[in-house]
Structures are given as C-alpha cells and as structure tokens.
C-alpha cells in the first residue's frame, strides 16, 4: 500500500465535503488500496492538531456561565457643584451681582486649598422670570445662574469647602459625587474575581454531572464596562462646625460571560 502526502492551504473542495480549513496548512494523506480499488483520505493539520479531534462527542459538550466580581473601595476624590443665582428686573444688574458674588466664592475656596485647575464653570444661564397674578403673566425680572464644578482631592475637606462657599454667597449646592481615582486598577481586580467566579460555577456544575471540565474557558466575553455604585449615605445638614459629609464606599463591579468545554 502506497502513501502520498499533499499539503494544501485554505479551502479543500471535494465531493465528500471535507470542509473549510480556515486558511491553515493541512496535510492530506492519500492511502491507495489497489486490492479494493479504494482511496481513503485522512486529514492532518501540520500545526499540531488533528481535525478528527473535533468530533462532536469530544468537544460538543459546552456550558456557559456568568461570573461577577465586586470590589468595595473608599472614594478618595469628590466633585461638587456650587452655584450662585441672582435676580433683578434689570438684566445687567443681575449679571453684575452674580459675577461679584461668584468671584468671592472662587477666591474663598482657593484660599483654603482648592487649586484653580480644579474649578470649572459648568453652566451659565439667563432667563426671564414671571409671576402669575389673577391668571395673567406678569414680568418680574431676570434670573442669572452660574454653576461651578469643583474637584476636591482632600475628601475630608468637602464639608469645609461647601460651608466656605455658602458663607461667601453660593446659594445652591448640588451634584456631590464621590470618585475612586484609580478606578481602572480596582476594576481589573473585579475582573479577576469575576473570572474566578465563572470557573467556580463551571466546576460545581461539572462535578454534579460527574464530567471532566477544562477549567480554561474556550470563550470569554466582558460584559458592560463595569459599574460604580455608591454604598454610603451622604449627610448634608446645617450644624455648628463644618457640614458633615460622609463618602462611604463605592462598589466597582465587573461581569463576564464564559464558555467551558467538558467531556463525559
């Protein structure tokens, strides 16, 4: 019996539908049997795997699981929006008053350590305001509002900064947000936990089935790009001393989808 080896690449078109090779190099072993006047083809991949290995009985059993990882981290940066609203029947007067007060607010928080690069105008609005008297709309004047977003790197000074701004003329405080500055670092740790969670789930199911599990997933997908959820309850009320602001903790969450192969 003679053996002839041919190397092909790409798609092997044959009436027996040997299939698509996906662009890899493969060796076809042609075995001539002249007694039975029969030719047999056995396909081997020269990249060290045998296409016969992908028989459904060996690789057809898959299970999909979802893994979750959660890290709780204390925030180290805060953002707050400080605003000044002024009203006057004359627009120019309302603008001048607003600008004067806002300048006082900015100077005061800079004096206690907030750098100018961490102070940014978020929005500036002018709108007419009306009263409704006996069903009629009566012009009252203009409202000018100016809001600053302030980034506070010393999270323990949030209450002091808010109080200082209010004392010097800020009359709105909103959008207090607590941030973890190294969020990516903690998200990667949550991803590691999510992967371990998926492996643990797959192992539990495989053990129940009395099956042999390949603990390395054949497919893994990152779900939504992480979520950050504040856990602490913020308090904000007028008391003697600085306004108490509690940052609590943030939860950084990672979710993955993983597919594992098992054999019976």
C-alpha atoms as a PDB file:
ATOM      1  CA  UNK A   1       0.000   0.000   0.000  1.00  0.00           C
ATOM      2  CA  UNK A   2       1.449   3.365  -1.051  1.00  0.00           C
ATOM      3  CA  UNK A   3       1.131   6.617   0.836  1.00  0.00           C
ATOM      4  CA  UNK A   4       1.291  10.032  -0.795  1.00  0.00           C
ATOM      5  CA  UNK A   5       1.284  13.298   1.183  1.00  0.00           C
ATOM      6  CA  UNK A   6      -0.098  16.527  -0.234  1.00  0.00           C
ATOM      7  CA  UNK A   7      -0.058  19.885   1.545  1.00  0.00           C
ATOM      8  CA  UNK A   8      -2.944  22.251   0.914  1.00  0.00           C
ATOM      9  CA  UNK A   9      -3.924  25.638   2.296  1.00  0.00           C
ATOM     10  CA  UNK A  10      -7.306  27.281   2.500  1.00  0.00           C
ATOM     11  CA  UNK A  11     -10.445  25.532   1.318  1.00  0.00           C
ATOM     12  CA  UNK A  12     -10.354  21.945   0.138  1.00  0.00           C
ATOM     13  CA  UNK A  13     -13.138  21.452  -2.372  1.00  0.00           C
ATOM     14  CA  UNK A  14     -14.047  17.810  -2.616  1.00  0.00           C
ATOM     15  CA  UNK A  15     -17.273  15.974  -3.311  1.00  0.00           C
ATOM     16  CA  UNK A  16     -17.005  14.356   0.132  1.00  0.00           C
ATOM     17  CA  UNK A  17     -17.145  17.851   1.678  1.00  0.00           C
ATOM     18  CA  UNK A  18     -14.019  17.667   3.767  1.00  0.00           C
ATOM     19  CA  UNK A  19     -14.709  21.230   4.814  1.00  0.00           C
ATOM     20  CA  UNK A  20     -13.075  24.592   5.180  1.00  0.00           C
ATOM     21  CA  UNK A  21      -9.633  24.678   6.701  1.00  0.00           C
ATOM     22  CA  UNK A  22      -9.756  28.320   7.767  1.00  0.00           C
ATOM     23  CA  UNK A  23      -6.608  29.334   5.933  1.00  0.00           C
ATOM     24  CA  UNK A  24      -4.227  26.927   7.767  1.00  0.00           C
ATOM     25  CA  UNK A  25      -1.827  24.430   6.186  1.00  0.00           C
ATOM     26  CA  UNK A  26      -3.009  20.822   6.242  1.00  0.00           C
ATOM     27  CA  UNK A  27      -1.613  17.542   5.026  1.00  0.00           C
ATOM     28  CA  UNK A  28      -3.817  15.078   3.168  1.00  0.00           C
ATOM     29  CA  UNK A  29      -2.602  11.520   3.497  1.00  0.00           C
ATOM     30  CA  UNK A  30      -3.753   9.590   0.430  1.00  0.00           C
ATOM     31  CA  UNK A  31      -3.777   5.836   1.078  1.00  0.00           C
ATOM     32  CA  UNK A  32      -4.111   3.767  -2.087  1.00  0.00           C
ATOM     33  CA  UNK A  33      -5.577   0.322  -1.723  1.00  0.00           C
ATOM     34  CA  UNK A  34      -5.405  -1.325  -5.091  1.00  0.00           C
ATOM     35  CA  UNK A  35      -6.950  -4.556  -3.829  1.00  0.00           C
ATOM     36  CA  UNK A  36     -10.265  -2.907  -3.125  1.00  0.00           C
ATOM     37  CA  UNK A  37      -9.651  -0.182  -5.687  1.00  0.00           C
ATOM     38  CA  UNK A  38     -10.341   2.315  -2.921  1.00  0.00           C
ATOM     39  CA  UNK A  39      -8.751   5.620  -1.946  1.00  0.00           C
ATOM     40  CA  UNK A  40      -9.008   6.884   1.598  1.00  0.00           C
ATOM     41  CA  UNK A  41      -8.241  10.393   2.790  1.00  0.00           C
ATOM     42  CA  UNK A  42      -7.102  11.214   6.270  1.00  0.00           C
ATOM     43  CA  UNK A  43      -6.673  14.899   7.056  1.00  0.00           C
ATOM     44  CA  UNK A  44      -3.994  16.127   9.389  1.00  0.00           C
ATOM     45  CA  UNK A  45      -3.140  19.657  10.396  1.00  0.00           C
ATOM     46  CA  UNK A  46       0.566  20.376  10.309  1.00  0.00           C
ATOM     47  CA  UNK A  47       0.038  22.921  13.113  1.00  0.00           C
ATOM     48  CA  UNK A  48      -0.078  20.003  15.575  1.00  0.00           C
ATOM     49  CA  UNK A  49      -3.732  19.179  15.819  1.00  0.00           C
ATOM     50  CA  UNK A  50      -5.786  16.566  14.122  1.00  0.00           C
ATOM     51  CA  UNK A  51      -9.083  17.658  12.632  1.00  0.00           C
ATOM     52  CA  UNK A  52     -10.527  14.353  13.796  1.00  0.00           C
ATOM     53  CA  UNK A  53     -10.120  15.656  17.339  1.00  0.00           C
ATOM     54  CA  UNK A  54     -13.044  17.992  16.772  1.00  0.00           C
ATOM     55  CA  UNK A  55     -15.523  15.195  16.799  1.00  0.00           C
ATOM     56  CA  UNK A  56     -18.762  16.315  18.490  1.00  0.00           C
ATOM     57  CA  UNK A  57     -18.533  13.503  21.017  1.00  0.00           C
ATOM     58  CA  UNK A  58     -15.312  15.009  22.326  1.00  0.00           C
ATOM     59  CA  UNK A  59     -15.818  18.768  22.013  1.00  0.00           C
ATOM     60  CA  UNK A  60     -19.555  19.137  21.608  1.00  0.00           C
ATOM     61  CA  UNK A  61     -20.342  19.491  25.337  1.00  0.00           C
ATOM     62  CA  UNK A  62     -20.187  23.105  26.396  1.00  0.00           C
ATOM     63  CA  UNK A  63     -21.593  25.089  29.278  1.00  0.00           C
ATOM     64  CA  UNK A  64     -21.992  28.828  29.585  1.00  0.00           C
ATOM     65  CA  UNK A  65     -21.784  30.655  32.903  1.00  0.00           C
ATOM     66  CA  UNK A  66     -21.739  34.258  34.079  1.00  0.00           C
ATOM     67  CA  UNK A  67     -19.160  35.493  36.540  1.00  0.00           C
ATOM     68  CA  UNK A  68     -19.358  38.561  38.775  1.00  0.00           C
ATOM     69  CA  UNK A  69     -16.661  40.342  40.712  1.00  0.00           C
ATOM     70  CA  UNK A  70     -17.275  43.122  43.222  1.00  0.00           C
ATOM     71  CA  UNK A  71     -14.731  45.343  44.965  1.00  0.00           C
ATOM     72  CA  UNK A  72     -15.684  47.847  47.686  1.00  0.00           C
ATOM     73  CA  UNK A  73     -13.417  50.892  47.748  1.00  0.00           C
ATOM     74  CA  UNK A  74     -13.417  54.062  49.802  1.00  0.00           C
ATOM     75  CA  UNK A  75     -13.505  57.097  47.452  1.00  0.00           C
ATOM     76  CA  UNK A  76     -10.588  59.493  47.577  1.00  0.00           C
ATOM     77  CA  UNK A  77     -11.881  62.336  45.372  1.00  0.00           C
ATOM     78  CA  UNK A  78     -15.115  64.331  45.461  1.00  0.00           C
ATOM     79  CA  UNK A  79     -16.910  66.559  42.971  1.00  0.00           C
ATOM     80  CA  UNK A  80     -19.441  69.187  43.965  1.00  0.00           C
ATOM     81  CA  UNK A  81     -21.375  71.833  42.031  1.00  0.00           C
ATOM     82  CA  UNK A  82     -21.535  75.242  43.694  1.00  0.00           C
ATOM     83  CA  UNK A  83     -23.904  77.822  42.264  1.00  0.00           C
ATOM     84  CA  UNK A  84     -24.937  81.440  42.559  1.00  0.00           C
ATOM     85  CA  UNK A  85     -28.404  82.628  41.496  1.00  0.00           C
ATOM     86  CA  UNK A  86     -29.287  86.321  41.351  1.00  0.00           C
ATOM     87  CA  UNK A  87     -32.465  88.135  40.307  1.00  0.00           C
ATOM     88  CA  UNK A  88     -33.139  91.689  39.239  1.00  0.00           C
ATOM     89  CA  UNK A  89     -35.577  93.498  36.999  1.00  0.00           C
ATOM     90  CA  UNK A  90     -32.578  94.829  35.110  1.00  0.00           C
ATOM     91  CA  UNK A  91     -30.522  92.151  33.411  1.00  0.00           C
ATOM     92  CA  UNK A  92     -27.193  93.980  33.691  1.00  0.00           C
ATOM     93  CA  UNK A  93     -27.632  94.450  37.419  1.00  0.00           C
ATOM     94  CA  UNK A  94     -28.436  90.739  37.888  1.00  0.00           C
ATOM     95  CA  UNK A  95     -25.315  89.819  35.920  1.00  0.00           C
ATOM     96  CA  UNK A  96     -23.066  92.196  37.831  1.00  0.00           C
ATOM     97  CA  UNK A  97     -24.322  90.947  41.196  1.00  0.00           C
ATOM     98  CA  UNK A  98     -23.844  87.348  40.113  1.00  0.00           C
ATOM     99  CA  UNK A  99     -20.302  87.949  38.864  1.00  0.00           C
ATOM    100  CA  UNK A 100     -19.324  89.763  42.093  1.00  0.00           C
ATOM    101  CA  UNK A 101     -20.646  87.006  44.332  1.00  0.00           C
ATOM    102  CA  UNK A 102     -19.153  84.205  42.234  1.00  0.00           C
ATOM    103  CA  UNK A 103     -15.751  85.865  42.356  1.00  0.00           C
ATOM    104  CA  UNK A 104     -15.983  85.943  46.153  1.00  0.00           C
ATOM    105  CA  UNK A 105     -16.893  82.242  46.200  1.00  0.00           C
ATOM    106  CA  UNK A 106     -13.961  81.303  43.956  1.00  0.00           C
ATOM    107  CA  UNK A 107     -11.466  83.366  45.963  1.00  0.00           C
ATOM    108  CA  UNK A 108     -12.665  81.884  49.236  1.00  0.00           C
ATOM    109  CA  UNK A 109     -12.310  78.234  48.227  1.00  0.00           C
ATOM    110  CA  UNK A 110      -8.931  78.893  46.617  1.00  0.00           C
ATOM    111  CA  UNK A 111      -7.757  80.394  49.915  1.00  0.00           C
ATOM    112  CA  UNK A 112      -8.449  77.099  51.709  1.00  0.00           C
ATOM    113  CA  UNK A 113      -6.544  74.987  49.220  1.00  0.00           C
ATOM    114  CA  UNK A 114      -8.601  74.356  46.063  1.00  0.00           C
ATOM    115  CA  UNK A 115      -6.358  74.899  43.043  1.00  0.00           C
ATOM    116  CA  UNK A 116      -7.738  76.941  40.104  1.00  0.00           C
ATOM    117  CA  UNK A 117      -7.313  73.959  37.727  1.00  0.00           C
ATOM    118  CA  UNK A 118      -9.916  72.073  39.771  1.00  0.00           C
ATOM    119  CA  UNK A 119     -12.541  74.824  39.396  1.00  0.00           C
ATOM    120  CA  UNK A 120     -14.543  74.801  36.177  1.00  0.00           C
ATOM    121  CA  UNK A 121     -17.665  76.647  35.040  1.00  0.00           C
ATOM    122  CA  UNK A 122     -20.326  74.034  34.416  1.00  0.00           C
ATOM    123  CA  UNK A 123     -23.074  76.257  33.074  1.00  0.00           C
ATOM    124  CA  UNK A 124     -24.186  79.878  32.944  1.00  0.00           C
ATOM    125  CA  UNK A 125     -27.859  80.678  32.294  1.00  0.00           C
ATOM    126  CA  UNK A 126     -30.029  83.759  31.918  1.00  0.00           C
ATOM    127  CA  UNK A 127     -33.815  83.526  31.835  1.00  0.00           C
ATOM    128  CA  UNK A 128     -36.776  85.872  32.272  1.00  0.00           C
ATOM    129  CA  UNK A 129     -38.999  85.150  35.252  1.00  0.00           C
ATOM    130  CA  UNK A 130     -42.721  85.807  35.558  1.00  0.00           C
ATOM    131  CA  UNK A 131     -45.375  85.877  38.215  1.00  0.00           C
ATOM    132  CA  UNK A 132     -48.958  84.835  37.552  1.00  0.00           C
ATOM    133  CA  UNK A 133     -51.464  87.252  39.046  1.00  0.00           C
ATOM    134  CA  UNK A 134     -55.198  86.794  38.503  1.00  0.00           C
ATOM    135  CA  UNK A 135     -54.417  84.423  35.640  1.00  0.00           C
ATOM    136  CA  UNK A 136     -52.129  86.911  33.946  1.00  0.00           C
ATOM    137  CA  UNK A 137     -48.418  86.534  33.271  1.00  0.00           C
ATOM    138  CA  UNK A 138     -46.525  89.474  34.794  1.00  0.00           C
ATOM    139  CA  UNK A 139     -42.845  90.044  34.093  1.00  0.00           C
ATOM    140  CA  UNK A 140     -40.807  90.087  37.315  1.00  0.00           C
ATOM    141  CA  UNK A 141     -37.247  90.377  36.080  1.00  0.00           C
ATOM    142  CA  UNK A 142     -34.300  88.214  35.098  1.00  0.00           C
ATOM    143  CA  UNK A 143     -32.621  85.295  36.778  1.00  0.00           C
ATOM    144  CA  UNK A 144     -28.899  84.695  36.269  1.00  0.00           C
ATOM    145  CA  UNK A 145     -27.373  81.423  37.414  1.00  0.00           C
ATOM    146  CA  UNK A 146     -23.733  80.404  37.382  1.00  0.00           C
ATOM    147  CA  UNK A 147     -22.558  76.939  38.453  1.00  0.00           C
ATOM    148  CA  UNK A 148     -19.031  75.753  39.144  1.00  0.00           C
ATOM    149  CA  UNK A 149     -17.850  72.154  39.250  1.00  0.00           C
ATOM    150  CA  UNK A 150     -15.198  71.818  41.920  1.00  0.00           C
ATOM    151  CA  UNK A 151     -12.930  68.776  42.223  1.00  0.00           C
ATOM    152  CA  UNK A 152     -11.794  68.161  45.800  1.00  0.00           C
ATOM    153  CA  UNK A 153      -8.782  65.887  46.241  1.00  0.00           C
ATOM    154  CA  UNK A 154      -8.826  66.034  50.038  1.00  0.00           C
ATOM    155  CA  UNK A 155     -12.072  64.232  50.687  1.00  0.00           C
ATOM    156  CA  UNK A 156     -12.021  65.212  54.358  1.00  0.00           C
ATOM    157  CA  UNK A 157     -12.344  68.889  53.426  1.00  0.00           C
ATOM    158  CA  UNK A 158     -15.587  68.600  51.425  1.00  0.00           C
ATOM    159  CA  UNK A 159     -17.765  69.956  54.238  1.00  0.00           C
ATOM    160  CA  UNK A 160     -15.420  72.856  54.912  1.00  0.00           C
ATOM    161  CA  UNK A 161     -15.313  73.846  51.227  1.00  0.00           C
ATOM    162  CA  UNK A 162     -19.108  73.763  50.938  1.00  0.00           C
ATOM    163  CA  UNK A 163     -19.521  75.864  54.082  1.00  0.00           C
ATOM    164  CA  UNK A 164     -16.942  78.388  52.918  1.00  0.00           C
ATOM    165  CA  UNK A 165     -18.658  78.757  49.537  1.00  0.00           C
ATOM    166  CA  UNK A 166     -22.071  79.219  51.138  1.00  0.00           C
ATOM    167  CA  UNK A 167     -20.760  81.833  53.586  1.00  0.00           C
ATOM    168  CA  UNK A 168     -19.339  83.898  50.729  1.00  0.00           C
ATOM    169  CA  UNK A 169     -22.515  83.841  48.625  1.00  0.00           C
ATOM    170  CA  UNK A 170     -23.125  80.453  46.991  1.00  0.00           C
ATOM    171  CA  UNK A 171     -26.824  79.692  47.319  1.00  0.00           C
ATOM    172  CA  UNK A 172     -27.055  76.316  45.549  1.00  0.00           C
ATOM    173  CA  UNK A 173     -25.091  73.141  46.230  1.00  0.00           C
ATOM    174  CA  UNK A 174     -25.715  70.037  44.124  1.00  0.00           C
ATOM    175  CA  UNK A 175     -24.181  67.104  42.325  1.00  0.00           C
ATOM    176  CA  UNK A 176     -21.979  65.828  45.134  1.00  0.00           C
ATOM    177  CA  UNK A 177     -20.202  62.832  43.654  1.00  0.00           C
ATOM    178  CA  UNK A 178     -17.560  60.604  45.235  1.00  0.00           C
ATOM    179  CA  UNK A 179     -14.935  59.096  42.949  1.00  0.00           C
ATOM    180  CA  UNK A 180     -12.236  56.431  43.168  1.00  0.00           C
ATOM    181  CA  UNK A 181      -9.256  57.959  41.371  1.00  0.00           C
ATOM    182  CA  UNK A 182      -7.645  54.614  40.478  1.00  0.00           C
ATOM    183  CA  UNK A 183     -10.849  53.020  39.251  1.00  0.00           C
ATOM    184  CA  UNK A 184      -9.149  51.025  36.477  1.00  0.00           C
ATOM    185  CA  UNK A 185      -6.862  49.318  38.982  1.00  0.00           C
ATOM    186  CA  UNK A 186      -9.816  48.147  41.075  1.00  0.00           C
ATOM    187  CA  UNK A 187     -11.860  47.218  38.014  1.00  0.00           C
ATOM    188  CA  UNK A 188      -9.112  44.845  36.884  1.00  0.00           C
ATOM    189  CA  UNK A 189      -9.226  43.219  40.313  1.00  0.00           C
ATOM    190  CA  UNK A 190     -13.001  42.857  39.968  1.00  0.00           C
ATOM    191  CA  UNK A 191     -12.430  41.225  36.552  1.00  0.00           C
ATOM    192  CA  UNK A 192     -10.105  38.680  38.160  1.00  0.00           C
ATOM    193  CA  UNK A 193     -12.762  37.904  40.750  1.00  0.00           C
ATOM    194  CA  UNK A 194     -15.396  37.566  38.019  1.00  0.00           C
ATOM    195  CA  UNK A 195     -13.223  35.055  36.153  1.00  0.00           C
ATOM    196  CA  UNK A 196     -12.717  33.008  39.320  1.00  0.00           C
ATOM    197  CA  UNK A 197     -16.449  33.134  39.985  1.00  0.00           C
ATOM    198  CA  UNK A 198     -17.174  31.780  36.495  1.00  0.00           C
ATOM    199  CA  UNK A 199     -14.639  28.962  36.944  1.00  0.00           C
ATOM    200  CA  UNK A 200     -16.114  28.037  40.314  1.00  0.00           C
ATOM    201  CA  UNK A 201     -19.626  27.870  38.878  1.00  0.00           C
ATOM    202  CA  UNK A 202     -18.464  25.719  35.970  1.00  0.00           C
ATOM    203  CA  UNK A 203     -16.647  23.356  38.368  1.00  0.00           C
ATOM    204  CA  UNK A 204     -19.747  22.944  40.536  1.00  0.00           C
ATOM    205  CA  UNK A 205     -21.873  22.022  37.518  1.00  0.00           C
ATOM    206  CA  UNK A 206     -19.250  19.682  36.077  1.00  0.00           C
ATOM    207  CA  UNK A 207     -18.890  17.897  39.427  1.00  0.00           C
ATOM    208  CA  UNK A 208     -22.630  17.444  39.609  1.00  0.00           C
ATOM    209  CA  UNK A 209     -22.600  15.919  36.112  1.00  0.00           C
ATOM    210  CA  UNK A 210     -19.561  13.799  37.007  1.00  0.00           C
ATOM    211  CA  UNK A 211     -17.857  15.237  33.948  1.00  0.00           C
ATOM    212  CA  UNK A 212     -14.271  16.242  33.251  1.00  0.00           C
ATOM    213  CA  UNK A 213     -14.004  20.011  32.884  1.00  0.00           C
ATOM    214  CA  UNK A 214     -11.372  22.045  31.065  1.00  0.00           C
ATOM    215  CA  UNK A 215     -11.076  24.893  33.550  1.00  0.00           C
ATOM    216  CA  UNK A 216      -9.700  27.243  30.867  1.00  0.00           C
ATOM    217  CA  UNK A 217     -12.683  28.754  29.033  1.00  0.00           C
ATOM    218  CA  UNK A 218     -12.801  28.438  25.257  1.00  0.00           C
ATOM    219  CA  UNK A 219     -14.640  31.737  25.055  1.00  0.00           C
ATOM    220  CA  UNK A 220     -14.862  34.678  27.419  1.00  0.00           C
ATOM    221  CA  UNK A 221     -16.672  37.992  26.988  1.00  0.00           C
ATOM    222  CA  UNK A 222     -16.543  41.116  29.085  1.00  0.00           C
ATOM    223  CA  UNK A 223     -19.997  42.463  29.722  1.00  0.00           C
ATOM    224  CA  UNK A 224     -20.821  46.146  30.327  1.00  0.00           C
ATOM    225  CA  UNK A 225     -17.722  48.159  31.141  1.00  0.00           C
ATOM    226  CA  UNK A 226     -18.054  47.960  34.885  1.00  0.00           C
ATOM    227  CA  UNK A 227     -20.390  49.844  37.188  1.00  0.00           C
ATOM    228  CA  UNK A 228     -19.682  52.015  40.195  1.00  0.00           C
ATOM    229  CA  UNK A 229     -22.346  52.171  42.886  1.00  0.00           C
ATOM    230  CA  UNK A 230     -22.098  54.425  45.956  1.00  0.00           C
ATOM    231  CA  UNK A 231     -22.804  52.469  49.133  1.00  0.00           C
ATOM    232  CA  UNK A 232     -22.585  55.185  51.752  1.00  0.00           C
ATOM    233  CA  UNK A 233     -25.382  57.515  52.800  1.00  0.00           C
ATOM    234  CA  UNK A 234     -24.343  61.158  52.496  1.00  0.00           C
ATOM    235  CA  UNK A 235     -25.445  63.555  55.217  1.00  0.00           C
ATOM    236  CA  UNK A 236     -25.754  67.257  54.431  1.00  0.00           C
ATOM    237  CA  UNK A 237     -27.327  69.480  57.070  1.00  0.00           C
ATOM    238  CA  UNK A 238     -26.636  72.732  58.859  1.00  0.00           C
ATOM    239  CA  UNK A 239     -24.929  72.184  62.194  1.00  0.00           C
ATOM    240  CA  UNK A 240     -22.296  74.014  64.187  1.00  0.00           C
ATOM    241  CA  UNK A 241     -18.899  73.463  62.622  1.00  0.00           C
ATOM    242  CA  UNK A 242     -18.318  72.062  59.146  1.00  0.00           C
ATOM    243  CA  UNK A 243     -21.159  70.438  57.252  1.00  0.00           C
ATOM    244  CA  UNK A 244     -20.761  66.657  57.777  1.00  0.00           C
ATOM    245  CA  UNK A 245     -20.243  64.830  54.501  1.00  0.00           C
ATOM    246  CA  UNK A 246     -19.746  61.064  54.612  1.00  0.00           C
ATOM    247  CA  UNK A 247     -18.315  59.462  51.480  1.00  0.00           C
ATOM    248  CA  UNK A 248     -19.000  55.845  52.469  1.00  0.00           C
ATOM    249  CA  UNK A 249     -17.731  53.305  49.902  1.00  0.00           C
ATOM    250  CA  UNK A 250     -18.164  52.659  46.195  1.00  0.00           C
ATOM    251  CA  UNK A 251     -18.776  49.234  44.700  1.00  0.00           C
ATOM    252  CA  UNK A 252     -16.857  48.543  41.490  1.00  0.00           C
ATOM    253  CA  UNK A 253     -18.425  45.643  39.604  1.00  0.00           C
ATOM    254  CA  UNK A 254     -17.224  43.537  36.665  1.00  0.00           C
ATOM    255  CA  UNK A 255     -19.290  40.940  34.782  1.00  0.00           C
ATOM    256  CA  UNK A 256     -18.141  38.328  32.293  1.00  0.00           C
ATOM    257  CA  UNK A 257     -19.648  35.519  30.224  1.00  0.00           C
ATOM    258  CA  UNK A 258     -17.533  32.374  29.857  1.00  0.00           C
ATOM    259  CA  UNK A 259     -17.940  29.150  27.874  1.00  0.00           C
ATOM    260  CA  UNK A 260     -16.263  25.960  29.090  1.00  0.00           C
ATOM    261  CA  UNK A 261     -15.818  22.539  27.467  1.00  0.00           C
ATOM    262  CA  UNK A 262     -16.379  19.297  29.362  1.00  0.00           C
ATOM    263  CA  UNK A 263     -16.247  15.621  28.499  1.00  0.00           C
ATOM    264  CA  UNK A 264     -18.264  12.795  29.941  1.00  0.00           C
END
